[in-house]
PDB file of all heavy atoms in Angstrom:
ATOM      1  N   PHE A   1      62.036 178.438 173.199  1.00  0.00           N
ATOM      2  CA  PHE A   1      60.700 178.800 173.676  1.00  0.00           C
ATOM      3  C   PHE A   1      60.586 178.339 175.126  1.00  0.00           C
ATOM      4  O   PHE A   1      61.296 177.433 175.538  1.00  0.00           O
ATOM      5  CB  PHE A   1      59.610 178.237 172.781  1.00  0.00           C
ATOM      6  CG  PHE A   1      59.641 176.693 172.677  1.00  0.00           C
ATOM      7  CD1 PHE A   1      58.942 175.897 173.604  1.00  0.00           C
ATOM      8  CD2 PHE A   1      60.313 176.116 171.622  1.00  0.00           C
ATOM      9  CE1 PHE A   1      58.965 174.521 173.487  1.00  0.00           C
ATOM     10  CE2 PHE A   1      60.344 174.707 171.519  1.00  0.00           C
ATOM     11  CZ  PHE A   1      59.674 173.934 172.453  1.00  0.00           C
ATOM     12  N   PRO A   2      59.677 178.938 175.876  1.00  0.00           N
ATOM     13  CA  PRO A   2      59.484 178.525 177.304  1.00  0.00           C
ATOM     14  C   PRO A   2      59.112 177.057 177.376  1.00  0.00           C
ATOM     15  O   PRO A   2      58.270 176.558 176.611  1.00  0.00           O
ATOM     16  CB  PRO A   2      58.365 179.422 177.805  1.00  0.00           C
ATOM     17  CG  PRO A   2      58.403 180.599 176.911  1.00  0.00           C
ATOM     18  CD  PRO A   2      58.844 180.089 175.580  1.00  0.00           C
ATOM     19  N   GLY A   3      59.761 176.315 178.299  1.00  0.00           N
ATOM     20  CA  GLY A   3      59.457 174.915 178.487  1.00  0.00           C
ATOM     21  C   GLY A   3      60.110 173.979 177.461  1.00  0.00           C
ATOM     22  O   GLY A   3      59.762 172.800 177.418  1.00  0.00           O
ATOM     23  N   ALA A   4      61.001 174.504 176.627  1.00  0.00           N
ATOM     24  CA  ALA A   4      61.671 173.722 175.576  1.00  0.00           C
ATOM     25  C   ALA A   4      62.596 172.666 176.232  1.00  0.00           C
ATOM     26  O   ALA A   4      63.069 172.840 177.359  1.00  0.00           O
ATOM     27  CB  ALA A   4      62.495 174.619 174.681  1.00  0.00           C
ATOM     28  N   PRO A   5      62.842 171.570 175.542  1.00  0.00           N
ATOM     29  CA  PRO A   5      63.849 170.624 175.981  1.00  0.00           C
ATOM     30  C   PRO A   5      65.200 171.307 176.198  1.00  0.00           C
ATOM     31  O   PRO A   5      65.478 172.307 175.545  1.00  0.00           O
ATOM     32  CB  PRO A   5      63.932 169.607 174.861  1.00  0.00           C
ATOM     33  CG  PRO A   5      62.661 169.754 174.075  1.00  0.00           C
ATOM     34  CD  PRO A   5      62.297 171.201 174.202  1.00  0.00           C
ATOM     35  N   ARG A   6      66.001 170.785 177.104  1.00  0.00           N
ATOM     36  CA  ARG A   6      67.260 171.487 177.394  1.00  0.00           C
ATOM     37  C   ARG A   6      68.393 170.484 177.800  1.00  0.00           C
ATOM     38  O   ARG A   6      68.093 169.467 178.408  1.00  0.00           O
ATOM     39  CB  ARG A   6      67.086 172.531 178.461  1.00  0.00           C
ATOM     40  CG  ARG A   6      66.552 171.965 179.775  1.00  0.00           C
ATOM     41  CD  ARG A   6      65.763 172.956 180.528  1.00  0.00           C
ATOM     42  NE  ARG A   6      64.532 173.238 179.868  1.00  0.00           N
ATOM     43  CZ  ARG A   6      63.479 173.762 180.412  1.00  0.00           C
ATOM     44  NH1 ARG A   6      63.497 174.124 181.672  1.00  0.00           N
ATOM     45  NH2 ARG A   6      62.352 173.948 179.741  1.00  0.00           N
ATOM     46  N   THR A   7      69.583 170.922 177.498  1.00  0.00           N
ATOM     47  CA  THR A   7      70.749 170.157 177.899  1.00  0.00           C
ATOM     48  C   THR A   7      71.069 170.388 179.388  1.00  0.00           C
ATOM     49  O   THR A   7      71.538 169.481 180.048  1.00  0.00           O
ATOM     50  CB  THR A   7      71.996 170.582 177.077  1.00  0.00           C
ATOM     51  OG1 THR A   7      72.166 171.984 177.228  1.00  0.00           O
ATOM     52  CG2 THR A   7      71.846 170.166 175.639  1.00  0.00           C
ATOM     53  N   LEU A   8      70.717 171.596 179.863  1.00  0.00           N
ATOM     54  CA  LEU A   8      70.963 171.883 181.286  1.00  0.00           C
ATOM     55  C   LEU A   8      70.186 173.143 181.639  1.00  0.00           C
ATOM     56  O   LEU A   8      70.206 174.127 180.931  1.00  0.00           O
ATOM     57  CB  LEU A   8      72.462 172.121 181.566  1.00  0.00           C
ATOM     58  CG  LEU A   8      72.817 172.377 183.043  1.00  0.00           C
ATOM     59  CD1 LEU A   8      72.476 171.170 183.927  1.00  0.00           C
ATOM     60  CD2 LEU A   8      74.273 172.726 183.154  1.00  0.00           C
ATOM     61  N   ASP A   9      69.483 173.077 182.768  1.00  0.00           N
ATOM     62  CA  ASP A   9      68.749 174.206 183.316  1.00  0.00           C
ATOM     63  C   ASP A   9      69.161 174.349 184.785  1.00  0.00           C
ATOM     64  O   ASP A   9      69.086 173.351 185.540  1.00  0.00           O
ATOM     65  CB  ASP A   9      67.236 173.926 183.219  1.00  0.00           C
ATOM     66  CG  ASP A   9      66.372 175.107 183.666  1.00  0.00           C
ATOM     67  OD1 ASP A   9      66.858 176.234 183.626  1.00  0.00           O
ATOM     68  OD2 ASP A   9      65.229 174.856 184.071  1.00  0.00           O
ATOM     69  N   LEU A  10      69.613 175.523 185.136  1.00  0.00           N
ATOM     70  CA  LEU A  10      70.004 175.805 186.543  1.00  0.00           C
ATOM     71  C   LEU A  10      69.150 177.008 186.998  1.00  0.00           C
ATOM     72  O   LEU A  10      69.250 178.092 186.391  1.00  0.00           O
ATOM     73  CB  LEU A  10      71.502 176.145 186.619  1.00  0.00           C
ATOM     74  CG  LEU A  10      72.470 175.078 186.146  1.00  0.00           C
ATOM     75  CD1 LEU A  10      73.908 175.598 186.231  1.00  0.00           C
ATOM     76  CD2 LEU A  10      72.307 173.807 186.965  1.00  0.00           C
ATOM     77  N   ASP A  11      68.353 176.800 188.018  1.00  0.00           N
ATOM     78  CA  ASP A  11      67.524 177.820 188.571  1.00  0.00           C
ATOM     79  C   ASP A  11      67.928 178.150 189.973  1.00  0.00           C
ATOM     80  O   ASP A  11      68.024 177.224 190.835  1.00  0.00           O
ATOM     81  CB  ASP A  11      66.055 177.374 188.584  1.00  0.00           C
ATOM     82  CG  ASP A  11      65.420 177.292 187.209  1.00  0.00           C
ATOM     83  OD1 ASP A  11      65.781 178.095 186.316  1.00  0.00           O
ATOM     84  OD2 ASP A  11      64.603 176.369 186.963  1.00  0.00           O
ATOM     85  N   LEU A  12      68.100 179.445 190.247  1.00  0.00           N
ATOM     86  CA  LEU A  12      68.307 179.867 191.665  1.00  0.00           C
ATOM     87  C   LEU A  12      66.953 179.842 192.314  1.00  0.00           C
ATOM     88  O   LEU A  12      66.089 180.665 192.003  1.00  0.00           O
ATOM     89  CB  LEU A  12      68.945 181.251 191.676  1.00  0.00           C
ATOM     90  CG  LEU A  12      69.214 181.851 193.058  1.00  0.00           C
ATOM     91  CD1 LEU A  12      70.064 180.907 193.900  1.00  0.00           C
ATOM     92  CD2 LEU A  12      69.905 183.211 192.916  1.00  0.00           C
ATOM     93  N   LEU A  13      66.749 178.870 193.177  1.00  0.00           N
ATOM     94  CA  LEU A  13      65.450 178.661 193.813  1.00  0.00           C
ATOM     95  C   LEU A  13      65.284 179.579 195.010  1.00  0.00           C
ATOM     96  O   LEU A  13      64.219 180.240 195.146  1.00  0.00           O
ATOM     97  CB  LEU A  13      65.310 177.193 194.261  1.00  0.00           C
ATOM     98  CG  LEU A  13      65.430 176.147 193.169  1.00  0.00           C
ATOM     99  CD1 LEU A  13      65.474 174.737 193.800  1.00  0.00           C
ATOM    100  CD2 LEU A  13      64.311 176.271 192.156  1.00  0.00           C
ATOM    101  N   LEU A  14      66.220 179.545 195.912  1.00  0.00           N
ATOM    102  CA  LEU A  14      66.170 180.319 197.134  1.00  0.00           C
ATOM    103  C   LEU A  14      67.520 180.951 197.383  1.00  0.00           C
ATOM    104  O   LEU A  14      68.582 180.307 197.160  1.00  0.00           O
ATOM    105  CB  LEU A  14      65.824 179.436 198.351  1.00  0.00           C
ATOM    106  CG  LEU A  14      64.458 178.761 198.336  1.00  0.00           C
ATOM    107  CD1 LEU A  14      64.399 177.679 199.447  1.00  0.00           C
ATOM    108  CD2 LEU A  14      63.356 179.772 198.541  1.00  0.00           C
ATOM    109  N   TYR A  15      67.560 182.181 197.861  1.00  0.00           N
ATOM    110  CA  TYR A  15      68.754 182.871 198.235  1.00  0.00           C
ATOM    111  C   TYR A  15      68.542 183.364 199.674  1.00  0.00           C
ATOM    112  O   TYR A  15      67.964 184.433 199.864  1.00  0.00           O
ATOM    113  CB  TYR A  15      69.040 184.037 197.263  1.00  0.00           C
ATOM    114  CG  TYR A  15      70.375 184.684 197.508  1.00  0.00           C
ATOM    115  CD1 TYR A  15      71.544 184.154 196.959  1.00  0.00           C
ATOM    116  CD2 TYR A  15      70.492 185.798 198.339  1.00  0.00           C
ATOM    117  CE1 TYR A  15      72.779 184.735 197.167  1.00  0.00           C
ATOM    118  CE2 TYR A  15      71.707 186.390 198.571  1.00  0.00           C
ATOM    119  CZ  TYR A  15      72.846 185.867 197.999  1.00  0.00           C
ATOM    120  OH  TYR A  15      74.075 186.420 198.229  1.00  0.00           O
ATOM    121  N   GLY A  16      68.936 182.494 200.614  1.00  0.00           N
ATOM    122  CA  GLY A  16      68.639 182.806 202.025  1.00  0.00           C
ATOM    123  C   GLY A  16      67.127 182.934 202.175  1.00  0.00           C
ATOM    124  O   GLY A  16      66.379 182.194 201.549  1.00  0.00           O
ATOM    125  N   ASP A  17      66.717 183.914 202.959  1.00  0.00           N
ATOM    126  CA  ASP A  17      65.262 184.140 203.097  1.00  0.00           C
ATOM    127  C   ASP A  17      64.867 185.391 202.329  1.00  0.00           C
ATOM    128  O   ASP A  17      63.785 185.960 202.552  1.00  0.00           O
ATOM    129  CB  ASP A  17      64.858 184.236 204.546  1.00  0.00           C
ATOM    130  CG  ASP A  17      65.612 185.325 205.340  1.00  0.00           C
ATOM    131  OD1 ASP A  17      66.386 186.070 204.722  1.00  0.00           O
ATOM    132  OD2 ASP A  17      65.361 185.444 206.514  1.00  0.00           O
ATOM    133  N   ALA A  18      65.695 185.776 201.388  1.00  0.00           N
ATOM    134  CA  ALA A  18      65.495 187.033 200.623  1.00  0.00           C
ATOM    135  C   ALA A  18      64.333 186.851 199.625  1.00  0.00           C
ATOM    136  O   ALA A  18      64.118 185.786 199.063  1.00  0.00           O
ATOM    137  CB  ALA A  18      66.752 187.403 199.842  1.00  0.00           C
ATOM    138  N   THR A  19      63.623 187.949 199.420  1.00  0.00           N
ATOM    139  CA  THR A  19      62.645 188.053 198.375  1.00  0.00           C
ATOM    140  C   THR A  19      63.222 189.054 197.368  1.00  0.00           C
ATOM    141  O   THR A  19      63.458 190.209 197.727  1.00  0.00           O
ATOM    142  CB  THR A  19      61.280 188.501 198.912  1.00  0.00           C
ATOM    143  OG1 THR A  19      60.833 187.574 199.877  1.00  0.00           O
ATOM    144  CG2 THR A  19      60.258 188.635 197.808  1.00  0.00           C
ATOM    145  N   ILE A  20      63.453 188.568 196.149  1.00  0.00           N
ATOM    146  CA  ILE A  20      64.109 189.391 195.143  1.00  0.00           C
ATOM    147  C   ILE A  20      63.192 189.484 193.910  1.00  0.00           C
ATOM    148  O   ILE A  20      62.656 188.447 193.460  1.00  0.00           O
ATOM    149  CB  ILE A  20      65.461 188.752 194.714  1.00  0.00           C
ATOM    150  CG1 ILE A  20      66.361 188.594 195.942  1.00  0.00           C
ATOM    151  CG2 ILE A  20      66.108 189.591 193.610  1.00  0.00           C
ATOM    152  CD1 ILE A  20      67.529 187.680 195.700  1.00  0.00           C
ATOM    153  N   ALA A  21      62.969 190.658 193.435  1.00  0.00           N
ATOM    154  CA  ALA A  21      62.181 190.899 192.182  1.00  0.00           C
ATOM    155  C   ALA A  21      62.857 191.935 191.378  1.00  0.00           C
ATOM    156  O   ALA A  21      62.599 193.127 191.543  1.00  0.00           O
ATOM    157  CB  ALA A  21      60.756 191.294 192.569  1.00  0.00           C
ATOM    158  N   SER A  22      63.785 191.472 190.538  1.00  0.00           N
ATOM    159  CA  SER A  22      64.470 192.414 189.627  1.00  0.00           C
ATOM    160  C   SER A  22      64.115 192.030 188.207  1.00  0.00           C
ATOM    161  O   SER A  22      63.429 191.046 187.973  1.00  0.00           O
ATOM    162  CB  SER A  22      65.987 192.360 189.853  1.00  0.00           C
ATOM    163  OG  SER A  22      66.553 191.149 189.364  1.00  0.00           O
ATOM    164  N   ALA A  23      64.629 192.814 187.256  1.00  0.00           N
ATOM    165  CA  ALA A  23      64.358 192.489 185.854  1.00  0.00           C
ATOM    166  C   ALA A  23      64.959 191.149 185.435  1.00  0.00           C
ATOM    167  O   ALA A  23      64.395 190.498 184.551  1.00  0.00           O
ATOM    168  CB  ALA A  23      64.936 193.601 184.972  1.00  0.00           C
ATOM    169  N   ARG A  24      65.974 190.717 186.111  1.00  0.00           N
ATOM    170  CA  ARG A  24      66.690 189.466 185.748  1.00  0.00           C
ATOM    171  C   ARG A  24      66.409 188.268 186.674  1.00  0.00           C
ATOM    172  O   ARG A  24      66.677 187.147 186.320  1.00  0.00           O
ATOM    173  CB  ARG A  24      68.186 189.694 185.705  1.00  0.00           C
ATOM    174  CG  ARG A  24      68.625 190.662 184.629  1.00  0.00           C
ATOM    175  CD  ARG A  24      70.149 190.691 184.515  1.00  0.00           C
ATOM    176  NE  ARG A  24      70.685 189.381 184.321  1.00  0.00           N
ATOM    177  CZ  ARG A  24      71.711 188.899 185.036  1.00  0.00           C
ATOM    178  NH1 ARG A  24      72.261 189.635 185.958  1.00  0.00           N
ATOM    179  NH2 ARG A  24      72.154 187.698 184.792  1.00  0.00           N
ATOM    180  N   LEU A  25      65.957 188.573 187.872  1.00  0.00           N
ATOM    181  CA  LEU A  25      65.936 187.496 188.897  1.00  0.00           C
ATOM    182  C   LEU A  25      64.694 187.657 189.797  1.00  0.00           C
ATOM    183  O   LEU A  25      64.436 188.762 190.287  1.00  0.00           O
ATOM    184  CB  LEU A  25      67.199 187.535 189.742  1.00  0.00           C
ATOM    185  CG  LEU A  25      67.282 186.546 190.892  1.00  0.00           C
ATOM    186  CD1 LEU A  25      67.248 185.101 190.414  1.00  0.00           C
ATOM    187  CD2 LEU A  25      68.591 186.793 191.678  1.00  0.00           C
ATOM    188  N   THR A  26      64.006 186.537 189.996  1.00  0.00           N
ATOM    189  CA  THR A  26      62.936 186.477 190.997  1.00  0.00           C
ATOM    190  C   THR A  26      63.261 185.317 191.952  1.00  0.00           C
ATOM    191  O   THR A  26      63.528 184.203 191.509  1.00  0.00           O
ATOM    192  CB  THR A  26      61.577 186.213 190.311  1.00  0.00           C
ATOM    193  OG1 THR A  26      61.290 187.283 189.395  1.00  0.00           O
ATOM    194  CG2 THR A  26      60.418 186.161 191.360  1.00  0.00           C
ATOM    195  N   ALA A  27      63.341 185.641 193.226  1.00  0.00           N
ATOM    196  CA  ALA A  27      63.588 184.621 194.269  1.00  0.00           C
ATOM    197  C   ALA A  27      62.691 184.920 195.442  1.00  0.00           C
ATOM    198  O   ALA A  27      62.508 186.058 195.803  1.00  0.00           O
ATOM    199  CB  ALA A  27      65.041 184.605 194.654  1.00  0.00           C
ATOM    200  N   PRO A  28      62.055 183.901 195.987  1.00  0.00           N
ATOM    201  CA  PRO A  28      62.101 182.525 195.553  1.00  0.00           C
ATOM    202  C   PRO A  28      61.633 182.379 194.093  1.00  0.00           C
ATOM    203  O   PRO A  28      60.887 183.159 193.579  1.00  0.00           O
ATOM    204  CB  PRO A  28      61.118 181.807 196.504  1.00  0.00           C
ATOM    205  CG  PRO A  28      60.919 182.737 197.640  1.00  0.00           C
ATOM    206  CD  PRO A  28      61.184 184.104 197.137  1.00  0.00           C
ATOM    207  N   HIS A  29      62.104 181.276 193.474  1.00  0.00           N
ATOM    208  CA  HIS A  29      61.737 181.016 192.100  1.00  0.00           C
ATOM    209  C   HIS A  29      60.203 181.015 192.036  1.00  0.00           C
ATOM    210  O   HIS A  29      59.521 180.377 192.904  1.00  0.00           O
ATOM    211  CB  HIS A  29      62.293 179.668 191.665  1.00  0.00           C
ATOM    212  CG  HIS A  29      62.125 179.435 190.199  1.00  0.00           C
ATOM    213  ND1 HIS A  29      60.935 178.989 189.658  1.00  0.00           N
ATOM    214  CD2 HIS A  29      62.979 179.569 189.165  1.00  0.00           C
ATOM    215  CE1 HIS A  29      61.058 178.859 188.366  1.00  0.00           C
ATOM    216  NE2 HIS A  29      62.334 179.248 188.005  1.00  0.00           N
ATOM    217  N   PRO A  30      59.622 181.710 191.071  1.00  0.00           N
ATOM    218  CA  PRO A  30      58.155 181.944 191.105  1.00  0.00           C
ATOM    219  C   PRO A  30      57.224 180.733 191.047  1.00  0.00           C
ATOM    220  O   PRO A  30      56.103 180.806 191.461  1.00  0.00           O
ATOM    221  CB  PRO A  30      57.922 182.881 189.910  1.00  0.00           C
ATOM    222  CG  PRO A  30      59.122 182.782 189.053  1.00  0.00           C
ATOM    223  CD  PRO A  30      60.250 182.373 189.964  1.00  0.00           C
ATOM    224  N   ARG A  31      57.684 179.617 190.496  1.00  0.00           N
ATOM    225  CA  ARG A  31      56.836 178.429 190.402  1.00  0.00           C
ATOM    226  C   ARG A  31      57.329 177.224 191.209  1.00  0.00           C
ATOM    227  O   ARG A  31      56.760 176.141 191.108  1.00  0.00           O
ATOM    228  CB  ARG A  31      56.648 178.048 188.919  1.00  0.00           C
ATOM    229  CG  ARG A  31      55.876 179.078 188.136  1.00  0.00           C
ATOM    230  CD  ARG A  31      55.834 178.795 186.656  1.00  0.00           C
ATOM    231  NE  ARG A  31      57.129 178.593 186.053  1.00  0.00           N
ATOM    232  CZ  ARG A  31      58.023 179.567 185.734  1.00  0.00           C
ATOM    233  NH1 ARG A  31      57.708 180.786 185.984  1.00  0.00           N
ATOM    234  NH2 ARG A  31      59.189 179.293 185.200  1.00  0.00           N
ATOM    235  N   MET A  32      58.390 177.439 191.981  1.00  0.00           N
ATOM    236  CA  MET A  32      58.978 176.297 192.707  1.00  0.00           C
ATOM    237  C   MET A  32      57.994 175.582 193.622  1.00  0.00           C
ATOM    238  O   MET A  32      58.035 174.347 193.788  1.00  0.00           O
ATOM    239  CB  MET A  32      60.223 176.694 193.454  1.00  0.00           C
ATOM    240  CG  MET A  32      60.003 177.601 194.630  1.00  0.00           C
ATOM    241  SD  MET A  32      61.534 178.039 195.489  1.00  0.00           S
ATOM    242  CE  MET A  32      61.879 176.487 196.363  1.00  0.00           C
ATOM    243  N   HIS A  33      57.058 176.330 194.192  1.00  0.00           N
ATOM    244  CA  HIS A  33      56.097 175.750 195.121  1.00  0.00           C
ATOM    245  C   HIS A  33      55.032 174.910 194.436  1.00  0.00           C
ATOM    246  O   HIS A  33      54.266 174.206 195.087  1.00  0.00           O
ATOM    247  CB  HIS A  33      55.433 176.861 195.959  1.00  0.00           C
ATOM    248  CG  HIS A  33      54.625 177.797 195.146  1.00  0.00           C
ATOM    249  ND1 HIS A  33      55.155 178.739 194.335  1.00  0.00           N
ATOM    250  CD2 HIS A  33      53.261 177.869 194.997  1.00  0.00           C
ATOM    251  CE1 HIS A  33      54.217 179.412 193.729  1.00  0.00           C
ATOM    252  NE2 HIS A  33      53.054 178.914 194.121  1.00  0.00           N
ATOM    253  N   GLU A  34      55.032 174.919 193.103  1.00  0.00           N
ATOM    254  CA  GLU A  34      54.052 174.148 192.287  1.00  0.00           C
ATOM    255  C   GLU A  34      54.707 172.957 191.585  1.00  0.00           C
ATOM    256  O   GLU A  34      54.064 172.342 190.765  1.00  0.00           O
ATOM    257  CB  GLU A  34      53.416 175.054 191.244  1.00  0.00           C
ATOM    258  CG  GLU A  34      52.737 176.265 191.786  1.00  0.00           C
ATOM    259  CD  GLU A  34      52.332 177.269 190.683  1.00  0.00           C
ATOM    260  OE1 GLU A  34      52.866 177.167 189.577  1.00  0.00           O
ATOM    261  OE2 GLU A  34      51.471 178.101 191.017  1.00  0.00           O
ATOM    262  N   ARG A  35      55.934 172.703 191.853  1.00  0.00           N
ATOM    263  CA  ARG A  35      56.730 171.718 191.132  1.00  0.00           C
ATOM    264  C   ARG A  35      57.262 170.583 192.010  1.00  0.00           C
ATOM    265  O   ARG A  35      58.130 170.805 192.863  1.00  0.00           O
ATOM    266  CB  ARG A  35      57.943 172.384 190.428  1.00  0.00           C
ATOM    267  CG  ARG A  35      57.596 173.599 189.596  1.00  0.00           C
ATOM    268  CD  ARG A  35      56.800 173.196 188.411  1.00  0.00           C
ATOM    269  NE  ARG A  35      56.861 174.237 187.341  1.00  0.00           N
ATOM    270  CZ  ARG A  35      55.840 174.556 186.590  1.00  0.00           C
ATOM    271  NH1 ARG A  35      54.672 173.969 186.782  1.00  0.00           N
ATOM    272  NH2 ARG A  35      55.961 175.461 185.681  1.00  0.00           N
ATOM    273  N   ALA A  36      56.716 169.386 191.847  1.00  0.00           N
ATOM    274  CA  ALA A  36      57.218 168.263 192.603  1.00  0.00           C
ATOM    275  C   ALA A  36      58.698 167.996 192.356  1.00  0.00           C
ATOM    276  O   ALA A  36      59.420 167.622 193.276  1.00  0.00           O
ATOM    277  CB  ALA A  36      56.406 167.003 192.259  1.00  0.00           C
ATOM    278  N   PHE A  37      59.181 168.264 191.139  1.00  0.00           N
ATOM    279  CA  PHE A  37      60.603 168.023 190.822  1.00  0.00           C
ATOM    280  C   PHE A  37      61.516 169.001 191.533  1.00  0.00           C
ATOM    281  O   PHE A  37      62.725 168.795 191.568  1.00  0.00           O
ATOM    282  CB  PHE A  37      60.870 167.996 189.325  1.00  0.00           C
ATOM    283  CG  PHE A  37      60.596 169.284 188.597  1.00  0.00           C
ATOM    284  CD1 PHE A  37      61.531 170.319 188.601  1.00  0.00           C
ATOM    285  CD2 PHE A  37      59.430 169.508 187.900  1.00  0.00           C
ATOM    286  CE1 PHE A  37      61.291 171.495 187.923  1.00  0.00           C
ATOM    287  CE2 PHE A  37      59.198 170.665 187.229  1.00  0.00           C
ATOM    288  CZ  PHE A  37      60.133 171.658 187.237  1.00  0.00           C
ATOM    289  N   VAL A  38      60.966 170.036 192.125  1.00  0.00           N
ATOM    290  CA  VAL A  38      61.764 170.946 192.986  1.00  0.00           C
ATOM    291  C   VAL A  38      61.531 170.592 194.461  1.00  0.00           C
ATOM    292  O   VAL A  38      62.478 170.449 195.216  1.00  0.00           O
ATOM    293  CB  VAL A  38      61.370 172.431 192.736  1.00  0.00           C
ATOM    294  CG1 VAL A  38      62.025 173.345 193.763  1.00  0.00           C
ATOM    295  CG2 VAL A  38      61.754 172.858 191.346  1.00  0.00           C
ATOM    296  N   LEU A  39      60.274 170.434 194.830  1.00  0.00           N
ATOM    297  CA  LEU A  39      59.940 170.201 196.256  1.00  0.00           C
ATOM    298  C   LEU A  39      60.478 168.881 196.800  1.00  0.00           C
ATOM    299  O   LEU A  39      61.028 168.861 197.920  1.00  0.00           O
ATOM    300  CB  LEU A  39      58.421 170.249 196.449  1.00  0.00           C
ATOM    301  CG  LEU A  39      57.795 171.654 196.187  1.00  0.00           C
ATOM    302  CD1 LEU A  39      56.276 171.511 196.270  1.00  0.00           C
ATOM    303  CD2 LEU A  39      58.331 172.707 197.126  1.00  0.00           C
ATOM    304  N   ARG A  40      60.372 167.775 196.057  1.00  0.00           N
ATOM    305  CA  ARG A  40      60.867 166.496 196.574  1.00  0.00           C
ATOM    306  C   ARG A  40      62.361 166.554 196.878  1.00  0.00           C
ATOM    307  O   ARG A  40      62.778 166.169 197.999  1.00  0.00           O
ATOM    308  CB  ARG A  40      60.546 165.361 195.628  1.00  0.00           C
ATOM    309  CG  ARG A  40      59.062 164.984 195.545  1.00  0.00           C
ATOM    310  CD  ARG A  40      58.624 163.783 196.373  1.00  0.00           C
ATOM    311  NE  ARG A  40      59.435 162.641 196.334  1.00  0.00           N
ATOM    312  CZ  ARG A  40      59.239 161.618 195.532  1.00  0.00           C
ATOM    313  NH1 ARG A  40      58.277 161.594 194.658  1.00  0.00           N
ATOM    314  NH2 ARG A  40      60.022 160.548 195.619  1.00  0.00           N
ATOM    315  N   PRO A  41      63.225 166.960 195.916  1.00  0.00           N
ATOM    316  CA  PRO A  41      64.646 166.991 196.255  1.00  0.00           C
ATOM    317  C   PRO A  41      64.990 168.046 197.299  1.00  0.00           C
ATOM    318  O   PRO A  41      65.893 167.850 198.107  1.00  0.00           O
ATOM    319  CB  PRO A  41      65.349 167.265 194.891  1.00  0.00           C
ATOM    320  CG  PRO A  41      64.311 167.610 193.934  1.00  0.00           C
ATOM    321  CD  PRO A  41      62.972 167.182 194.476  1.00  0.00           C
ATOM    322  N   LEU A  42      64.245 169.149 197.324  1.00  0.00           N
ATOM    323  CA  LEU A  42      64.497 170.190 198.309  1.00  0.00           C
ATOM    324  C   LEU A  42      64.209 169.645 199.697  1.00  0.00           C
ATOM    325  O   LEU A  42      64.978 169.826 200.650  1.00  0.00           O
ATOM    326  CB  LEU A  42      63.599 171.395 198.003  1.00  0.00           C
ATOM    327  CG  LEU A  42      63.820 172.650 198.799  1.00  0.00           C
ATOM    328  CD1 LEU A  42      65.218 173.238 198.555  1.00  0.00           C
ATOM    329  CD2 LEU A  42      62.749 173.689 198.417  1.00  0.00           C
ATOM    330  N   LEU A  43      63.088 168.897 199.840  1.00  0.00           N
ATOM    331  CA  LEU A  43      62.741 168.332 201.109  1.00  0.00           C
ATOM    332  C   LEU A  43      63.712 167.221 201.547  1.00  0.00           C
ATOM    333  O   LEU A  43      63.923 166.961 202.746  1.00  0.00           O
ATOM    334  CB  LEU A  43      61.315 167.783 201.100  1.00  0.00           C
ATOM    335  CG  LEU A  43      60.240 168.857 201.173  1.00  0.00           C
ATOM    336  CD1 LEU A  43      58.904 168.350 200.720  1.00  0.00           C
ATOM    337  CD2 LEU A  43      60.177 169.390 202.604  1.00  0.00           C
TER     338      LEU A  43
END
């Protein structure tokens, strides 16, 4: 289920400066700007 515990999660956050919206992939990752656990290590 969404948000379930996991052994490993790998998210493609950014792919250059591309904006991608396909059935399988959205980049930038759609919630990365709302997540401290993404923003802090990214910065």
